[in-house]
Protein backbone atom coordinates (compact mmCIF):
# COMPACT_ATOMS: atom_id res chain seq x y z
CA MET A 1 -6.53 -14.57 30.34
CA ALA A 2 -6.63 -10.83 31.01
CA PRO A 3 -8.97 -8.79 28.77
CA GLN A 4 -6.09 -6.46 27.83
CA LEU A 5 -4.08 -9.40 26.51
CA GLU A 6 -7.10 -10.82 24.65
CA ILE A 7 -7.69 -7.47 22.94
CA GLN A 8 -4.08 -7.34 21.75
CA ILE A 9 -4.20 -10.95 20.54
CA ILE A 10 -7.35 -10.22 18.55
CA ALA A 11 -5.76 -7.09 17.07
CA VAL A 12 -2.62 -8.98 16.03
CA ILE A 13 -4.61 -11.81 14.43
CA VAL A 14 -6.88 -9.40 12.56
CA ALA A 15 -3.93 -7.28 11.42
CA VAL A 16 -2.06 -10.27 9.97
CA ALA A 17 -5.22 -11.77 8.44
CA CYS A 18 -6.03 -8.47 6.71
CA ALA A 19 -2.47 -7.73 5.60
CA LEU A 20 -2.08 -11.00 3.64
CA PRO A 21 -4.82 -10.43 0.99
CA GLY A 22 -4.22 -6.69 1.29
CA THR A 23 -0.73 -7.18 -0.14
CA PHE A 24 -2.20 -8.40 -3.41
CA LEU A 25 -4.73 -5.54 -3.45
CA VAL A 26 -1.87 -3.04 -3.16
CA LEU A 27 0.13 -4.74 -5.91
CA ARG A 28 -2.96 -4.82 -8.16
CA LYS A 29 -3.54 -1.09 -7.47
CA MET A 30 -6.94 -1.89 -5.98
CA SER A 31 -6.44 -0.40 -2.52
CA MET A 32 -9.71 1.54 -2.52
CA MET A 33 -11.62 -1.64 -3.34
CA SER A 34 -11.09 -2.75 0.26
CA ASP A 35 -12.82 0.40 1.50
CA SER A 36 -15.72 -0.24 -0.86
CA ILE A 37 -16.11 -3.89 0.17
CA THR A 38 -15.94 -3.13 3.90
CA HIS A 39 -19.00 -0.93 3.52
CA THR A 40 -21.08 -2.75 0.92
CA ILE A 41 -20.97 -6.10 2.72
CA LEU A 42 -23.44 -4.53 5.14
CA LEU A 43 -26.07 -4.91 2.41
CA GLY A 44 -25.25 -8.62 2.14
CA ILE A 45 -25.64 -9.00 5.90
CA VAL A 46 -28.98 -7.18 5.89
CA LEU A 47 -30.39 -9.21 2.98
CA ALA A 48 -29.22 -12.47 4.55
CA PHE A 49 -30.85 -11.45 7.84
CA PHE A 50 -34.15 -10.80 6.10
CA VAL A 51 -34.01 -14.38 4.79
CA THR A 52 -32.86 -16.11 7.99
CA HIS A 53 -34.13 -13.72 10.74
CA ASP A 54 -31.12 -14.82 12.77
CA LEU A 55 -28.13 -12.56 13.48
CA SER A 56 -25.97 -15.57 14.40
CA SER A 57 -26.69 -17.48 11.17
CA PRO A 58 -23.63 -18.42 9.09
CA PHE A 59 -25.62 -17.35 6.02
CA LEU A 60 -24.92 -13.74 7.05
CA ILE A 61 -21.24 -14.37 6.35
CA LEU A 62 -22.11 -15.98 3.02
CA GLY A 63 -24.37 -13.07 2.08
CA ALA A 64 -21.69 -10.55 2.98
CA ALA A 65 -19.02 -12.41 1.00
CA LEU A 66 -21.28 -12.63 -2.06
CA MET A 67 -22.05 -8.91 -1.80
CA GLY A 68 -18.32 -8.21 -1.78
CA VAL A 69 -17.96 -10.11 -5.04
CA VAL A 70 -21.00 -8.31 -6.47
CA THR A 71 -19.35 -4.99 -5.54
CA VAL A 72 -16.22 -5.92 -7.47
CA TRP A 73 -18.26 -7.17 -10.43
CA LEU A 74 -20.38 -4.00 -10.64
CA THR A 75 -17.31 -1.80 -10.33
CA GLU A 76 -15.50 -3.62 -13.13
CA LEU A 77 -18.65 -3.68 -15.25
CA LEU A 78 -18.79 0.11 -15.12
CA SER A 79 -15.05 0.62 -15.63
CA ARG A 80 -14.97 -1.75 -18.64
CA THR A 81 -17.36 0.58 -20.48
CA ARG A 82 -14.44 3.06 -20.49
CA LEU A 83 -16.94 5.78 -19.65
CA LEU A 84 -15.76 5.75 -16.04
CA ALA A 85 -12.36 5.23 -14.45
CA GLU A 86 -12.15 2.54 -11.77
CA ASP A 87 -12.00 5.05 -8.91
CA ALA A 88 -15.09 6.79 -10.26
CA ALA A 89 -16.88 3.44 -10.58
CA ILE A 90 -16.05 2.68 -6.95
CA GLY A 91 -17.40 6.11 -6.04
CA VAL A 92 -20.72 5.19 -7.64
CA VAL A 93 -21.13 1.56 -6.52
CA PHE A 94 -19.94 1.84 -2.94
CA PRO A 95 -22.25 4.70 -1.78
CA LEU A 96 -25.20 3.17 -3.66
CA LEU A 97 -25.02 -0.28 -2.06
CA PHE A 98 -24.08 1.03 1.37
CA SER A 99 -26.92 3.57 1.33
CA ILE A 100 -29.41 0.86 0.36
CA ALA A 101 -28.24 -1.15 3.40
CA ILE A 102 -28.70 1.86 5.71
CA ILE A 103 -32.20 2.53 4.35
CA LEU A 104 -33.20 -1.12 4.79
CA ILE A 105 -31.91 -1.15 8.37
CA THR A 106 -33.67 2.05 9.38
CA ARG A 107 -36.90 1.14 7.59
CA TYR A 108 -37.31 -2.57 8.27
CA ALA A 109 -34.81 -3.54 10.99
CA GLY A 110 -35.02 -0.67 13.43
CA SER A 111 -35.61 -2.99 16.39
CA VAL A 112 -32.82 -5.38 15.44
CA HIS A 113 -29.29 -5.01 16.77
CA LEU A 114 -27.64 -4.01 13.50
CA ASP A 115 -25.69 -0.97 14.66
CA THR A 116 -24.12 0.86 11.72
CA ASP A 117 -21.78 2.81 14.03
CA SER A 118 -20.36 -0.44 15.40
CA VAL A 119 -19.95 -1.76 11.86
CA LEU A 120 -17.95 1.30 10.86
CA LEU A 121 -15.93 1.96 13.99
CA GLY A 122 -16.04 -1.31 15.92
CA GLU A 123 -15.00 -1.52 19.55
CA LEU A 124 -12.27 -3.93 20.48
CA ALA A 125 -12.83 -3.18 24.17
CA PHE A 126 -16.09 -5.16 24.03
CA ALA A 127 -14.60 -8.21 22.27
CA PRO A 128 -13.53 -9.99 25.51
CA PHE A 129 -17.14 -9.92 26.78
CA ASP A 130 -18.27 -12.29 24.00
CA ARG A 131 -16.93 -15.58 25.34
CA MET A 132 -16.39 -18.97 23.75
CA ILE A 133 -17.95 -21.62 25.99
CA VAL A 134 -17.18 -25.29 25.24
CA GLY A 135 -18.66 -27.94 27.53
CA GLY A 136 -19.39 -25.30 30.12
CA VAL A 137 -15.76 -24.15 30.14
CA ASP A 138 -14.77 -20.60 29.20
CA ILE A 139 -11.85 -20.95 26.78
CA GLY A 140 -11.47 -17.28 25.90
CA ALA A 141 -12.91 -14.52 23.77
CA LYS A 142 -14.88 -15.81 20.79
CA ALA A 143 -13.19 -13.28 18.47
CA ILE A 144 -9.81 -14.95 19.05
CA TYR A 145 -11.10 -18.18 17.55
CA THR A 146 -13.18 -16.69 14.73
CA THR A 147 -10.37 -14.41 13.56
CA GLY A 148 -7.87 -17.22 14.12
CA VAL A 149 -9.81 -19.47 11.74
CA LEU A 150 -9.90 -16.57 9.29
CA LEU A 151 -6.12 -16.19 9.51
CA LEU A 152 -5.60 -19.91 8.91
CA ILE A 153 -7.88 -19.79 5.85
CA ASN A 154 -5.94 -16.86 4.41
CA LEU A 155 -2.60 -18.55 5.08
CA ALA A 156 -3.79 -21.79 3.51
CA VAL A 157 -5.24 -20.15 0.39
CA ILE A 158 -2.23 -17.91 -0.23
CA THR A 159 0.19 -20.79 0.35
CA LEU A 160 -1.68 -23.19 -1.92
CA PHE A 161 -2.30 -20.69 -4.71
CA PHE A 162 0.77 -18.51 -4.29
CA LYS A 163 2.08 -19.23 -7.79
CA GLU A 164 -1.29 -18.46 -9.40
CA LEU A 165 -1.78 -15.28 -7.38
CA LYS A 166 1.74 -14.08 -8.15
CA LEU A 167 1.48 -14.75 -11.86
CA ALA A 168 -2.02 -13.27 -12.23
CA THR A 169 -0.97 -10.19 -10.26
CA PHE A 170 2.18 -9.36 -12.19
CA ASP A 171 1.39 -10.75 -15.67
CA SER A 172 -2.21 -11.74 -16.32
CA MET A 173 -1.48 -12.33 -20.02
CA LEU A 174 1.18 -14.92 -19.20
CA ALA A 175 -1.15 -16.48 -16.63
CA ALA A 176 -3.77 -16.99 -19.34
CA VAL A 177 -1.19 -18.42 -21.74
CA VAL A 178 0.07 -21.03 -19.27
CA GLY A 179 -3.47 -22.13 -18.44
CA PHE A 180 -4.46 -20.10 -15.38
CA SER A 181 -7.70 -18.12 -15.46
CA PRO A 182 -6.85 -14.55 -14.35
CA ALA A 183 -10.56 -13.82 -13.86
CA LEU A 184 -11.00 -16.86 -11.61
CA VAL A 185 -7.93 -15.92 -9.56
CA HIS A 186 -9.16 -12.34 -9.35
CA TYR A 187 -12.62 -13.19 -8.08
CA GLY A 188 -11.18 -15.81 -5.76
CA LEU A 189 -8.99 -13.10 -4.23
CA MET A 190 -11.95 -10.75 -3.96
CA THR A 191 -13.94 -13.48 -2.20
CA LEU A 192 -11.06 -13.92 0.24
CA VAL A 193 -11.03 -10.15 0.84
CA SER A 194 -14.79 -10.21 1.45
CA LEU A 195 -14.53 -13.11 3.91
CA THR A 196 -11.68 -11.39 5.71
CA THR A 197 -13.67 -8.20 5.96
CA VAL A 198 -16.76 -9.99 7.28
CA GLY A 199 -14.76 -11.97 9.83
CA ALA A 200 -12.91 -8.92 11.12
CA PHE A 201 -15.33 -6.01 11.08
CA GLN A 202 -17.50 -7.25 13.98
CA ALA A 203 -14.52 -6.95 16.30
CA VAL A 204 -12.62 -3.97 14.87
CA GLY A 205 -15.01 -2.15 12.49
CA SER A 206 -14.60 -1.45 8.80
CA VAL A 207 -12.34 1.59 9.26
CA LEU A 208 -9.69 -0.46 11.05
CA VAL A 209 -10.12 -3.33 8.57
CA VAL A 210 -9.18 -0.93 5.76
CA ALA A 211 -6.26 0.44 7.80
CA PHE A 212 -4.91 -3.07 8.47
CA MET A 213 -5.58 -4.30 4.93
CA ILE A 214 -3.78 -1.42 3.18
CA GLY A 215 -1.48 0.27 5.72
CA PRO A 216 0.97 -2.58 6.46
CA PRO A 217 1.23 -3.74 2.80
CA VAL A 218 2.01 -0.24 1.46
CA THR A 219 4.54 0.18 4.26
CA ALA A 220 6.17 -3.14 3.35
CA TYR A 221 6.07 -2.17 -0.35
CA LEU A 222 8.46 0.70 0.43
CA LEU A 223 10.90 -1.71 2.07
CA THR A 224 11.19 -4.65 -0.36
CA ASP A 225 10.70 -5.81 -3.94
CA ASP A 226 10.30 -9.48 -3.03
CA LEU A 227 6.70 -10.74 -2.79
CA LYS A 228 7.32 -13.35 -0.09
CA ARG A 229 9.27 -10.88 1.99
CA MET A 230 6.53 -8.30 1.45
CA LEU A 231 3.91 -10.72 2.78
CA LEU A 232 6.01 -11.47 5.86
CA LEU A 233 6.78 -7.79 6.46
CA SER A 234 3.11 -6.84 6.01
CA GLY A 235 2.04 -9.32 8.67
CA ALA A 236 4.81 -8.27 11.07
CA ILE A 237 4.13 -4.55 10.61
CA GLY A 238 0.39 -5.10 11.09
CA ALA A 239 1.00 -7.04 14.31
CA VAL A 240 3.32 -4.34 15.67
CA ASN A 241 0.80 -1.64 14.74
CA GLY A 242 -1.92 -3.51 16.63
CA VAL A 243 0.12 -3.83 19.82
CA LEU A 244 1.49 -0.27 19.73
CA GLY A 245 -1.98 1.06 18.93
CA TYR A 246 -3.44 -0.63 21.99
CA GLN A 247 -0.66 0.67 24.22
CA LEU A 248 -1.22 4.20 22.92
CA ALA A 249 -4.99 3.91 23.46
CA ALA A 250 -4.44 2.69 27.05
CA LEU A 251 -1.99 5.52 27.71
CA LEU A 252 -4.24 8.28 26.33
CA ASP A 253 -7.59 6.64 27.21
CA VAL A 254 -8.91 6.95 23.65
CA SER A 255 -10.59 4.69 21.09
CA ILE A 256 -8.60 1.49 20.60
CA ALA A 257 -9.51 1.07 16.92
CA GLY A 258 -8.83 4.75 16.24
CA SER A 259 -5.47 4.56 18.00
CA MET A 260 -4.44 1.50 15.98
CA ALA A 261 -5.40 3.24 12.74
CA VAL A 262 -3.37 6.30 13.77
CA VAL A 263 -0.32 4.18 14.61
CA THR A 264 -0.67 2.43 11.25
CA GLY A 265 -0.61 5.81 9.52
CA LEU A 266 2.33 7.07 11.57
CA VAL A 267 4.41 3.95 10.93
CA PHE A 268 3.73 4.31 7.21
CA LEU A 269 4.73 7.99 7.37
CA LEU A 270 8.03 7.16 9.09
CA VAL A 271 8.84 4.48 6.51
CA PHE A 272 7.71 6.79 3.69
CA ILE A 273 10.24 9.38 4.86
CA PHE A 274 13.15 7.21 6.00
CA ALA A 275 12.96 3.98 3.89
CA PRO A 276 16.48 3.18 2.63
CA HIS A 277 15.71 2.97 -1.09
CA ARG A 278 12.16 4.26 -1.65
CA GLY A 279 11.85 6.77 1.17
CA LEU A 280 11.34 10.46 0.58
CA ILE A 281 14.81 11.40 1.86
CA SER A 282 16.44 8.74 -0.33
CA ALA A 283 14.45 9.91 -3.35
CA LEU A 284 15.41 13.55 -2.79
CA ARG A 285 19.05 12.59 -2.32
CA ARG A 286 18.92 10.45 -5.46
CA ARG A 287 17.38 13.28 -7.48
CA SER A 288 20.01 15.69 -6.19
CA ASN A 289 22.78 13.28 -7.17
CA GLN A 290 21.23 12.76 -10.60
CA LYS A 291 21.05 16.51 -11.08
CA ILE A 292 24.72 16.86 -10.21
CA GLU A 293 25.78 13.95 -12.43
CA PHE A 294 23.78 15.37 -15.34
CA ALA A 295 25.33 18.81 -14.81
CA LYS A 296 28.83 17.30 -14.75
CA ALA A 297 28.16 15.42 -18.00
CA THR A 298 26.72 18.59 -19.57
CA LEU A 299 29.77 20.61 -18.64
CA LEU A 300 32.11 17.95 -20.02
CA PHE A 301 30.16 17.95 -23.31
CA HIS A 302 30.36 21.75 -23.42
CA LEU A 303 34.11 21.80 -22.89
CA SER A 304 34.63 18.96 -25.36
CA ASN A 305 32.78 20.88 -28.09
CA HIS A 306 34.77 24.07 -27.52
CA GLU A 307 38.39 22.98 -27.24
CA ASN A 308 39.29 22.69 -30.94
CA SER A 309 40.47 26.28 -31.43
CA GLU A 310 41.57 29.28 -29.39
CA GLU A 311 38.38 31.20 -30.30
CA GLU A 312 36.19 28.36 -29.08
CA ALA A 313 38.39 27.93 -26.02
CA ALA A 314 37.07 31.27 -24.78
CA GLU A 315 33.77 29.45 -24.29
CA ALA A 316 35.49 27.55 -21.48
CA GLY A 317 35.65 30.62 -19.27
CA VAL A 318 34.00 30.20 -15.89
CA ASP A 319 31.82 33.28 -16.35
CA THR A 320 30.88 32.26 -19.91
CA ILE A 321 29.95 28.74 -18.86
CA GLN A 322 27.52 29.84 -16.19
CA VAL A 323 25.87 32.26 -18.64
CA HIS A 324 25.56 29.70 -21.44
CA LEU A 325 24.33 26.91 -19.18
CA ARG A 326 22.17 29.28 -17.11
CA TRP A 327 23.65 28.13 -13.86
CA THR A 328 24.13 30.16 -10.71
CA PRO A 329 27.72 31.04 -9.77
CA GLU A 330 27.45 28.81 -6.68
CA PHE A 331 26.20 25.80 -8.64
CA THR A 332 28.83 26.33 -11.36
CA ALA A 333 31.60 26.44 -8.76
CA LYS A 334 30.25 23.28 -7.10
CA ILE A 335 30.24 21.32 -10.38
CA MET A 336 33.70 22.50 -11.34
CA ARG A 337 35.15 21.60 -7.95
CA SER A 338 33.65 18.13 -8.26
CA LEU A 339 35.06 17.59 -11.75
CA GLU A 340 38.44 18.93 -10.68
CA ARG A 341 38.60 16.55 -7.72
CA GLU A 342 37.80 13.66 -10.08
CA GLY A 343 40.63 14.72 -12.40
CA ASN A 344 38.32 15.49 -15.35
CA ILE A 345 39.19 19.19 -15.65
CA ARG A 346 41.81 21.65 -14.51
CA LEU A 347 41.31 25.37 -13.95
CA LEU A 348 43.92 27.70 -15.45
CA ASP A 349 43.54 31.50 -15.46
CA GLY A 350 39.75 31.37 -15.16
CA LEU A 351 39.41 28.78 -17.92
CA ALA A 352 38.27 25.17 -17.53
CA ARG A 353 40.36 22.70 -19.52
CA LEU A 354 39.61 19.03 -20.10
CA THR A 355 42.18 16.50 -18.95
CA ASP A 356 42.74 13.26 -20.82
CA GLU A 357 40.58 11.57 -18.18
CA GLY A 358 37.90 14.18 -18.78
CA ARG A 359 37.88 13.51 -22.53
CA GLN A 360 37.52 9.78 -21.91
CA THR A 361 34.69 10.39 -19.44
CA SER A 362 32.92 12.65 -21.94
CA ILE A 363 33.19 9.97 -24.64
CA ARG A 364 31.85 7.31 -22.26
CA ASN A 365 28.92 9.56 -21.31
CA TYR A 366 28.18 10.20 -24.99
CA ASN A 367 28.26 6.49 -25.84
CA THR A 368 26.08 5.64 -22.87
CA LEU A 369 23.54 8.32 -23.78
CA PHE A 370 23.18 7.40 -27.44
CA SER A 371 23.44 3.62 -27.09
CA ARG A 372 20.06 3.47 -25.29
């Protein structure tokens, strides 16, 4: 298998594996927790190495996963005091634990291959050089199998505990009432996030882990309100980002991980602007329409309140209306043209008069407004 293809396979597997638990982090408004965990697990790796003195020991993964849970626990312990917000607590815990790891590496493990730059940035180009040999046969890059196992674990856990994760994410009170433990589900999810981070950062680095864990889910969040569809979209978007990122890196001869992170950001930006219902353009159009509808209702109320006598009818003059409502002449003309097309008003000698349809519309607007 060509190294280029192996790199893209690894990227796709990592992207999907990260996007699945990342979806629940986004929905729980804990996106920055992934950044914290991807850094603080280094302390768990260092401490486990000091115990085992073996960089290939599985206890390094266990130590890293436990440190991820400890990071979450310390962050919540500080935020529950109500003296610190959660983001501030993350800002205290994450630099503290990560800095301790760096100090321990530089002081006691200087001769050991624990490269902090590789941990942060990763280098997918080197992944194909670490081969999986079974019975003397080269069956491919080791990262394909390690990240593949990680993806299967994430799929199995989310499939088996989907109901519990969904309920604890959207309504923790109801989860507790029906017998689920929201705290247990929460820390189980955080353990899964830690394991995912540990399994992925050796190949792609913590920066790309964060990009894959948060970028595709927030992109999918702008496209759907359905959790299952969001999970599927997150995985698909992450996979596409991985492939496009590699192609861009090959074209420009730049960092693969950096290129994938950039593509992830660009895809999010495109969806953020052009998403059909939650995109920026849709939101601006919706606000503009709401402004026009509110102005039309306001004008109908104004005319309805000033049509009972000839003296009050003078308040229906076009010039008077724009002064009273503090509208520009252009905006006033636009609203009146719209109402006239809809048959709600008619313009006679510079005065706006309600039609029967306009009176009924005004009454419906009034009832709608005050029935809420």
